[in-house]
Protein backbone atom coordinates (compact mmCIF):
# COMPACT_ATOMS: atom_id res chain seq x y z
CA MET A 1 -4.69 -13.17 -47.63
CA PRO A 2 -1.81 -11.37 -49.39
CA ILE A 3 0.48 -13.46 -51.56
CA ARG A 4 4.14 -12.86 -52.21
CA ASN A 5 5.07 -15.63 -54.64
CA PRO A 6 4.50 -14.55 -58.30
CA GLU A 7 4.01 -18.19 -59.37
CA TRP A 8 0.41 -17.96 -58.12
CA LYS A 9 -0.59 -16.75 -61.61
CA ILE A 10 0.23 -20.20 -62.96
CA ALA A 11 -1.66 -22.03 -60.25
CA ALA A 12 -4.70 -19.83 -59.64
CA SER A 13 -6.27 -18.64 -62.86
CA PRO A 14 -9.84 -17.24 -62.60
CA GLU A 15 -11.19 -20.36 -64.34
CA LEU A 16 -9.63 -22.69 -61.76
CA ILE A 17 -10.76 -20.53 -58.87
CA GLN A 18 -14.32 -20.57 -60.23
CA ARG A 19 -14.20 -24.37 -60.51
CA GLY A 20 -13.38 -24.60 -56.80
CA CYS A 21 -10.11 -26.49 -57.13
CA VAL A 22 -7.68 -23.91 -55.68
CA TYR A 23 -6.94 -24.14 -51.94
CA ILE A 24 -4.57 -22.76 -49.35
CA ILE A 25 -3.09 -25.12 -46.76
CA SER A 26 -2.10 -23.16 -43.68
CA LEU A 27 0.63 -24.19 -41.27
CA ALA A 28 -0.61 -21.82 -38.56
CA GLU A 29 -1.76 -24.55 -36.15
CA ILE A 30 1.52 -26.44 -36.42
CA ARG A 31 3.46 -23.22 -36.04
CA ALA A 32 1.51 -22.27 -32.91
CA ALA A 33 1.99 -25.71 -31.39
CA ILE A 34 5.77 -25.74 -31.88
CA ALA A 35 6.27 -21.97 -31.59
CA PRO A 36 9.56 -22.07 -29.63
CA ARG A 37 11.07 -24.48 -32.17
CA TRP A 38 9.51 -23.15 -35.38
CA GLU A 39 12.71 -21.60 -36.73
CA LYS A 40 14.56 -24.91 -36.41
CA MET A 41 11.69 -27.16 -37.53
CA SER A 42 10.09 -25.12 -40.31
CA GLY A 43 12.31 -26.78 -42.91
CA ALA A 44 11.18 -30.23 -41.81
CA VAL A 45 7.52 -29.15 -41.84
CA TRP A 46 7.83 -27.82 -45.38
CA GLY A 47 9.72 -30.92 -46.43
CA HIS A 48 6.93 -33.21 -45.20
CA LEU A 49 4.30 -31.01 -46.87
CA GLU A 50 6.11 -31.07 -50.21
CA ASN A 51 6.50 -34.86 -50.05
CA LEU A 52 2.78 -35.30 -49.36
CA LEU A 53 1.87 -32.96 -52.19
CA ARG A 54 4.14 -34.69 -54.70
CA GLN A 55 2.72 -38.08 -53.75
CA ARG A 56 -0.83 -36.95 -54.52
CA LEU A 57 -0.59 -34.31 -57.21
CA ALA A 58 -0.78 -35.10 -60.91
CA PRO A 59 1.62 -33.55 -63.46
CA THR A 60 -0.98 -30.91 -64.33
CA ASP A 61 -1.48 -29.91 -60.68
CA PHE A 62 0.63 -27.26 -58.99
CA PHE A 63 1.62 -25.86 -55.62
CA CYS A 64 3.74 -22.96 -54.43
CA PRO A 65 4.42 -21.22 -51.11
CA VAL A 66 2.23 -18.24 -50.27
CA ASP A 67 4.59 -17.17 -47.49
CA ASP A 68 6.54 -19.06 -44.83
CA GLY A 69 3.31 -20.32 -43.27
CA ALA A 70 1.00 -21.39 -46.10
CA ALA A 71 0.98 -23.12 -49.49
CA LEU A 72 -1.27 -22.52 -52.49
CA VAL A 73 -2.47 -25.76 -54.10
CA SER A 74 -4.14 -25.91 -57.51
CA LEU A 75 -5.78 -29.18 -58.59
CA PRO A 76 -7.23 -28.77 -62.11
CA SER A 77 -7.19 -32.55 -62.62
CA LEU A 78 -9.81 -33.05 -59.87
CA SER A 79 -13.39 -32.03 -59.34
CA ALA A 80 -14.19 -29.50 -56.60
CA ASP A 81 -15.19 -32.24 -54.12
CA GLU A 82 -12.16 -34.38 -54.94
CA ALA A 83 -9.86 -31.38 -54.55
CA ARG A 84 -11.35 -30.56 -51.14
CA ILE A 85 -10.93 -34.14 -49.91
CA CYS A 86 -7.37 -34.29 -51.30
CA CYS A 87 -6.35 -31.10 -49.45
CA LEU A 88 -8.05 -32.22 -46.23
CA ARG A 89 -6.23 -35.54 -46.42
CA ILE A 90 -2.85 -33.84 -46.99
CA ALA A 91 -3.39 -31.42 -44.10
CA HIS A 92 -4.54 -34.25 -41.84
CA GLU A 93 -1.49 -36.39 -42.58
CA LEU A 94 0.84 -33.42 -42.10
CA ASN A 95 -0.69 -32.57 -38.73
CA THR A 96 -0.54 -36.21 -37.68
CA ILE A 97 3.15 -36.43 -38.63
CA MET A 98 4.14 -33.21 -36.88
CA LEU A 99 1.77 -33.13 -33.88
CA GLY A 100 0.38 -36.61 -33.34
CA ALA A 101 -2.96 -35.94 -31.61
CA TYR A 102 -4.56 -32.63 -32.64
CA ASP A 103 -7.95 -30.94 -33.04
CA ILE A 104 -9.15 -32.33 -36.37
CA SER A 105 -11.65 -29.49 -36.77
CA LYS A 106 -8.75 -27.03 -37.15
CA LEU A 107 -7.02 -28.31 -40.22
CA GLY A 108 -6.25 -24.88 -41.65
CA ILE A 109 -7.75 -25.37 -45.12
CA GLU A 110 -9.18 -22.44 -47.07
CA ARG A 111 -10.81 -22.48 -50.51
CA VAL A 112 -9.81 -19.59 -52.74
CA CYS A 113 -12.94 -17.78 -53.93
CA ALA A 114 -11.54 -14.76 -55.75
CA TRP A 115 -8.56 -12.50 -56.30
CA GLN A 116 -9.32 -8.96 -55.17
CA ASP A 117 -7.10 -5.92 -54.60
CA GLY A 118 -3.89 -7.94 -54.57
CA LYS A 119 -5.25 -10.49 -52.09
CA PHE A 120 -6.96 -13.84 -52.16
CA ALA A 121 -10.50 -13.93 -50.85
CA THR A 122 -10.84 -17.28 -49.08
CA THR A 123 -13.47 -19.36 -47.32
CA PRO A 124 -12.40 -21.61 -44.39
CA ILE A 125 -13.18 -25.28 -44.89
CA SER A 126 -14.30 -27.27 -41.87
CA PRO A 127 -14.44 -31.06 -42.24
CA GLY A 128 -17.99 -32.39 -42.19
CA GLY A 129 -19.13 -35.64 -40.63
CA ALA A 130 -18.36 -37.70 -43.73
CA ASP A 131 -14.98 -35.99 -44.06
CA LEU A 132 -14.11 -36.82 -40.45
CA CYS A 133 -14.91 -40.48 -41.03
CA THR A 134 -12.75 -40.49 -44.15
CA LEU A 135 -9.81 -38.81 -42.42
CA LYS A 136 -9.96 -40.93 -39.28
CA SER A 137 -10.18 -44.16 -41.21
CA ASN A 138 -7.10 -46.01 -42.38
CA PRO A 139 -5.85 -44.73 -45.74
CA SER A 140 -7.49 -46.67 -48.52
CA LYS A 141 -8.72 -45.53 -51.88
CA ASP A 142 -8.82 -41.90 -50.80
CA ALA A 143 -5.30 -42.03 -49.38
CA GLU A 144 -3.78 -43.24 -52.61
CA PRO A 145 -2.63 -40.91 -55.35
CA PRO A 146 -5.54 -39.73 -57.50
CA ALA A 147 -6.69 -42.13 -60.17
CA HIS A 148 -5.24 -40.03 -62.99
CA ALA A 149 -1.79 -40.19 -61.41
CA GLN A 150 -1.95 -43.99 -61.44
CA ALA A 151 -3.75 -44.52 -64.71
CA GLN A 152 -1.56 -42.38 -66.94
CA PRO A 153 1.71 -44.25 -66.39
CA ALA A 154 -0.13 -47.58 -66.67
CA THR A 155 -1.86 -46.74 -69.94
CA GLY A 156 -0.82 -44.04 -72.38
CA ALA A 157 2.42 -43.21 -70.63
CA GLU A 158 3.72 -46.78 -70.82
CA ALA A 159 3.27 -46.76 -74.58
CA LYS A 160 4.77 -43.30 -74.97
CA SER A 161 7.67 -43.93 -72.61
CA ARG A 162 9.14 -46.75 -74.73
CA HIS A 163 12.75 -46.07 -75.47
CA ARG A 164 15.98 -47.51 -76.83
CA PHE A 165 19.59 -46.95 -75.86
CA VAL A 166 21.89 -45.53 -78.53
CA PRO A 167 25.62 -46.30 -78.02
CA VAL A 168 27.80 -43.18 -77.96
CA TRP A 169 31.45 -43.43 -78.99
CA ASP A 170 34.24 -41.48 -77.32
CA GLY A 171 36.50 -40.96 -80.32
CA GLN A 172 39.40 -39.81 -78.16
CA LYS A 173 39.35 -43.00 -76.06
CA ASP A 174 38.30 -45.39 -78.84
CA ALA A 175 35.53 -46.82 -76.67
CA ILE A 176 31.78 -46.79 -76.27
CA THR A 177 31.37 -45.25 -72.83
CA THR A 178 27.85 -43.81 -72.88
CA TYR A 179 24.31 -44.80 -73.85
CA ARG A 180 21.75 -42.17 -74.85
CA CYS A 181 18.21 -43.01 -73.79
CA GLN A 182 16.21 -42.19 -76.91
CA PRO A 183 12.39 -42.34 -76.73
CA ILE A 184 10.59 -44.02 -79.60
CA GLU A 185 8.31 -41.51 -81.25
CA GLU A 186 4.67 -42.50 -81.38
CA VAL A 187 2.65 -41.96 -84.56
CA ASN A 188 -0.64 -40.27 -83.74
CA SER A 189 -3.24 -40.89 -86.42
CA GLY A 190 -6.04 -39.11 -84.55
CA GLU A 191 -6.95 -35.46 -84.19
CA PRO A 192 -4.10 -33.08 -83.24
CA ALA A 193 -3.95 -32.66 -79.46
CA SER A 194 -4.16 -29.25 -77.81
CA PRO A 195 -0.88 -27.66 -76.61
CA GLN A 196 -1.90 -28.40 -73.01
CA ALA A 197 -2.54 -32.07 -73.81
CA GLN A 198 0.74 -32.32 -75.73
CA PHE A 199 2.66 -30.87 -72.80
CA LYS A 200 0.96 -33.23 -70.37
CA LEU A 201 1.82 -36.27 -72.48
CA ALA A 202 5.40 -35.09 -72.97
CA LEU A 203 5.87 -34.54 -69.23
CA VAL A 204 4.44 -37.94 -68.28
CA ALA A 205 6.59 -39.66 -70.92
CA THR A 206 9.72 -37.81 -69.75
CA ILE A 207 9.12 -38.78 -66.14
CA ALA A 208 8.52 -42.40 -67.14
CA ASN A 209 11.65 -42.49 -69.32
CA ILE A 210 13.88 -41.12 -66.57
CA ARG A 211 12.43 -43.49 -63.99
CA GLN A 212 12.71 -46.59 -66.18
CA ALA A 213 16.19 -45.78 -67.50
CA THR A 214 17.60 -45.08 -64.03
CA GLU A 215 16.10 -48.33 -62.74
CA ILE A 216 18.01 -50.16 -65.48
CA LEU A 217 21.19 -48.25 -64.59
CA LEU A 218 20.80 -49.10 -60.91
CA ARG A 219 20.45 -52.80 -61.69
CA ARG A 220 23.47 -52.74 -63.99
CA LEU A 221 25.61 -50.93 -61.44
CA ALA A 222 24.65 -53.52 -58.83
CA ALA A 223 25.79 -56.21 -61.27
CA GLY A 224 29.18 -54.52 -61.64
CA ASP A 225 28.73 -52.76 -65.00
CA ARG A 226 29.94 -49.19 -65.41
CA PHE A 227 28.79 -46.78 -68.12
CA LEU A 228 27.31 -43.30 -68.43
CA LEU A 229 23.57 -42.86 -68.97
CA TRP A 230 22.61 -39.91 -71.17
CA LEU A 231 19.07 -38.62 -70.56
CA PRO A 232 17.53 -36.08 -72.97
CA VAL A 233 14.93 -33.67 -71.52
CA SER A 234 13.05 -31.35 -73.85
CA TYR A 235 13.38 -27.60 -73.32
CA ASN A 236 9.60 -27.40 -73.74
CA VAL A 237 9.11 -29.64 -70.70
CA LEU A 238 11.95 -28.38 -68.53
CA GLY A 239 11.14 -24.75 -69.32
CA SER A 240 7.73 -25.04 -67.68
CA PRO A 241 7.59 -24.47 -63.90
CA ILE A 242 5.39 -27.54 -63.53
CA GLY A 243 7.73 -29.68 -65.62
CA ARG A 244 10.79 -28.44 -63.77
CA MET A 245 9.15 -29.14 -60.42
CA GLU A 246 8.18 -32.70 -61.38
CA ILE A 247 11.58 -33.55 -62.85
CA SER A 248 13.43 -32.09 -59.86
CA ALA A 249 11.20 -34.04 -57.47
CA LEU A 250 11.93 -37.28 -59.33
CA CYS A 251 15.68 -36.58 -59.42
CA ARG A 252 15.74 -35.89 -55.68
CA SER A 253 14.19 -39.30 -55.09
CA LEU A 254 16.90 -41.14 -57.07
CA PRO A 255 19.69 -42.91 -55.16
CA GLY A 256 22.71 -40.69 -54.74
CA GLU A 257 25.08 -43.31 -56.11
CA LEU A 258 23.55 -42.86 -59.59
CA ARG A 259 24.60 -39.23 -59.96
CA PRO A 260 28.21 -39.83 -61.13
CA TYR A 261 26.78 -41.96 -63.97
CA LEU A 262 24.01 -39.61 -65.17
CA MET A 263 24.26 -36.91 -67.83
CA PHE A 264 21.28 -34.76 -68.78
CA GLU A 265 20.81 -33.19 -72.20
CA ILE A 266 18.52 -30.20 -72.75
CA SER A 267 17.12 -30.86 -76.22
CA ASP A 268 14.84 -28.86 -78.55
CA LEU A 269 16.50 -25.57 -77.64
CA PRO A 270 14.92 -22.70 -79.61
CA TYR A 271 16.91 -20.05 -81.41
CA GLY A 272 17.71 -17.00 -79.32
CA VAL A 273 17.23 -18.53 -75.86
CA ALA A 274 18.59 -16.11 -73.25
CA GLN A 275 21.78 -17.10 -71.46
CA SER A 276 20.20 -16.40 -68.06
CA ARG A 277 17.26 -18.63 -68.95
CA LEU A 278 19.53 -21.48 -70.01
CA SER A 279 21.65 -21.06 -66.87
CA ASP A 280 18.54 -21.44 -64.70
CA LEU A 281 17.57 -24.68 -66.45
CA VAL A 282 21.09 -26.06 -66.15
CA ALA A 283 21.14 -25.18 -62.44
CA SER A 284 17.88 -27.10 -61.89
CA LEU A 285 19.49 -30.35 -63.16
CA ARG A 286 23.14 -29.94 -62.18
CA PRO A 287 22.86 -31.19 -58.53
CA PHE A 288 21.54 -34.55 -59.72
CA CYS A 289 24.09 -35.59 -62.33
CA ARG A 290 27.64 -35.62 -63.63
CA GLY A 291 26.95 -32.75 -66.02
CA VAL A 292 24.33 -31.02 -68.19
CA MET A 293 24.62 -30.78 -71.97
CA ALA A 294 22.64 -28.86 -74.58
CA GLN A 295 21.66 -29.90 -78.09
CA LEU A 296 21.77 -26.69 -80.10
CA PRO A 297 19.52 -25.70 -83.02
CA ALA A 298 20.74 -26.64 -86.49
CA ARG A 299 22.88 -24.12 -88.39
CA ILE A 300 23.20 -21.86 -85.35
CA PRO A 301 24.92 -18.61 -86.38
CA ASN A 302 26.34 -17.65 -82.98
CA TYR A 303 27.56 -19.79 -80.09
CA GLY A 304 28.07 -16.83 -77.76
CA ALA A 305 24.73 -17.29 -75.97
CA TYR A 306 25.92 -20.63 -74.60
CA LEU A 307 29.06 -19.24 -72.96
CA ASP A 308 29.20 -19.46 -69.17
CA ALA A 309 25.81 -21.17 -68.90
CA GLY A 310 27.16 -24.01 -66.75
CA LEU A 311 27.07 -26.60 -69.54
CA CYS A 312 29.56 -29.45 -69.69
CA ALA A 313 28.99 -30.07 -73.42
CA ILE A 314 27.28 -28.61 -76.48
CA GLY A 315 26.33 -30.50 -79.61
CA LEU A 316 24.24 -30.95 -82.73
CA SER A 317 22.06 -33.65 -84.27
CA PHE A 318 22.41 -34.50 -87.95
CA ALA A 319 19.26 -36.61 -88.13
CA ALA A 320 17.78 -34.05 -90.55
CA ASN A 321 18.84 -33.99 -94.18
CA VAL A 322 22.15 -32.08 -94.19
CA THR A 323 24.53 -31.96 -97.16
CA GLY A 324 28.17 -32.99 -96.82
CA ALA A 325 29.55 -29.45 -97.14
CA ASP A 326 27.12 -28.06 -94.56
CA MET A 327 27.83 -30.92 -92.20
CA GLY A 328 31.58 -30.38 -92.34
CA SER A 329 31.15 -26.66 -91.70
CA GLU A 330 28.81 -27.22 -88.75
CA ILE A 331 31.14 -29.79 -87.19
CA PHE A 332 34.09 -27.43 -87.50
CA LYS A 333 32.22 -24.46 -85.94
CA LEU A 334 30.98 -26.67 -83.12
CA SER A 335 34.45 -27.93 -82.29
CA VAL A 336 35.91 -24.40 -82.28
CA ALA A 337 33.14 -23.12 -79.98
CA ALA A 338 33.58 -26.04 -77.56
CA ARG A 339 37.35 -25.56 -77.38
CA ARG A 340 36.94 -21.86 -76.68
CA GLN A 341 34.56 -22.66 -73.82
CA ARG A 342 36.78 -25.53 -72.64
CA ILE A 343 33.87 -27.94 -72.61
CA MET A 344 33.06 -31.16 -74.45
CA SER A 345 31.20 -31.42 -77.74
CA PHE A 346 28.96 -34.07 -79.28
CA ALA A 347 27.47 -34.92 -82.68
CA LEU A 348 24.51 -37.26 -83.04
CA ASP A 349 23.22 -39.34 -85.95
CA ILE A 350 26.25 -38.86 -88.19
CA PRO A 351 25.21 -40.58 -91.44
CA ASN A 352 28.48 -41.62 -93.11
CA ASP A 353 32.08 -42.65 -92.53
CA GLU A 354 33.56 -39.47 -94.00
CA ALA A 355 31.64 -37.17 -91.66
CA LEU A 356 32.43 -39.44 -88.71
CA GLN A 357 36.14 -39.30 -89.47
CA SER A 358 35.96 -35.51 -89.88
CA ALA A 359 34.21 -35.11 -86.52
CA ARG A 360 36.83 -37.22 -84.78
CA GLU A 361 39.68 -35.27 -86.35
CA CYS A 362 38.05 -31.99 -85.29
CA GLY A 363 38.07 -33.21 -81.69
CA ILE A 364 34.34 -33.81 -81.20
CA SER A 365 34.18 -35.66 -77.89
CA LEU A 366 31.10 -37.89 -78.20
CA LEU A 367 29.66 -39.33 -81.40
CA SER A 368 26.69 -41.47 -82.40
CA SER A 369 26.06 -42.99 -85.81
CA PRO A 370 24.55 -46.10 -87.39
CA LEU A 371 28.15 -47.03 -88.19
CA ILE A 372 28.96 -47.08 -84.47
CA GLY A 373 25.88 -49.04 -83.48
CA GLY A 374 22.12 -48.97 -83.70
CA ALA A 375 19.65 -48.48 -80.88
CA VAL A 376 19.35 -51.43 -78.48
CA ALA A 377 16.82 -52.43 -75.85
CA GLN A 378 19.44 -52.63 -73.09
CA PRO A 379 22.73 -50.76 -72.69
CA GLY A 380 25.71 -52.99 -73.40
CA GLY A 381 28.27 -51.54 -71.02
CA VAL A 382 31.64 -49.99 -71.82
CA ARG A 383 33.47 -51.67 -74.70
CA ARG A 384 36.41 -50.86 -76.92
CA LEU A 385 35.73 -49.71 -80.48
CA THR A 386 38.57 -48.47 -82.67
CA VAL A 387 38.48 -46.44 -85.88
CA GLN A 388 39.62 -49.56 -87.75
CA ASP A 389 36.60 -51.47 -86.40
CA ILE A 390 34.29 -48.76 -87.72
CA HIS A 391 36.00 -48.74 -91.13
CA ARG A 392 35.65 -52.52 -91.40
CA ARG A 393 31.99 -52.27 -90.43
CA CYS A 394 31.46 -49.56 -93.05
CA ALA A 395 33.23 -51.61 -95.73
CA SER A 396 31.10 -54.65 -94.93
CA ARG A 397 27.95 -52.59 -95.17
CA ASN A 398 28.99 -51.13 -98.52
CA ALA A 399 29.88 -54.58 -99.86
CA ALA A 400 26.52 -55.92 -98.82
């Protein structure tokens, strides 16, 4: 079978093919059954297939279209037998949704055996007697998401998804209007994890943070509170096709009424990221929120790469040890770049009153600092906070 989508290289490495966990789910039977209406209904068919896949696939699994009539599914988190059953179950549920009664022996599942001459060599999979009993039975253990998809959020992910909300001050409005969801870093005293394991943990934690924070926002909106929720997403997670797919799937499932109150931040941007690359990442988040921001690398020499990338704000974090002179220079350059682009700017973790006052005078839009308020377990809603309040708080701290 020829394949047109270049993303297959991510999903179907030789090692995964040899393990027997790469399959193709064909829509040929459904297409033949609804042939006169295929053009109108193909979008619905693909929508149901994607929903079924996202319900069952773990963060390390992957799928992509082969063409308009088949999908490649890679399941490295499962054994060969588990992957076969998972794909059979997905195909069965899709056929049941779209066709009702159908010939269960023609599910259209093929196992990928090799990649030869620009084509996949595949072996058709016919459900055996035990498979037929499993598929015809009511969904139970086999119909639920794989064990890893349930266990991770309930164990390691819960610990690594702990977060606090940092109040963000709008210096132009003299009010706290926004809360930045800041994960609490976990100290790992064991052996260093592999890059693949680190990515997996980061993705699961990001998904859990977004889900938990938006649930809090939804409850607060229902209670009548109004504030903006600021959600950081690491470039290392969002830059991966798998990470982008999982985050987009989660965002699509969020209630539409949350979008005017959500702001995403792309953090951990590397030096020299291409403008086209950044624009693609911004475009993947923009439909689901009020705007997308970017936290830039420290001491960035040139802001030109961030022009016309679709960002609503650019900013810096001063959590690292930065001297007063350097901080003032960085704040000034940031404010000039933001004004030229006609977008907002932000500065995080400003350590002292002098730098905070300088940032406000330079026109930095959004500011966070211990002087404004420390991290809290629950966002406190919009509240007024004047410069005089901050000065009094600073004076009290110095006196103590």
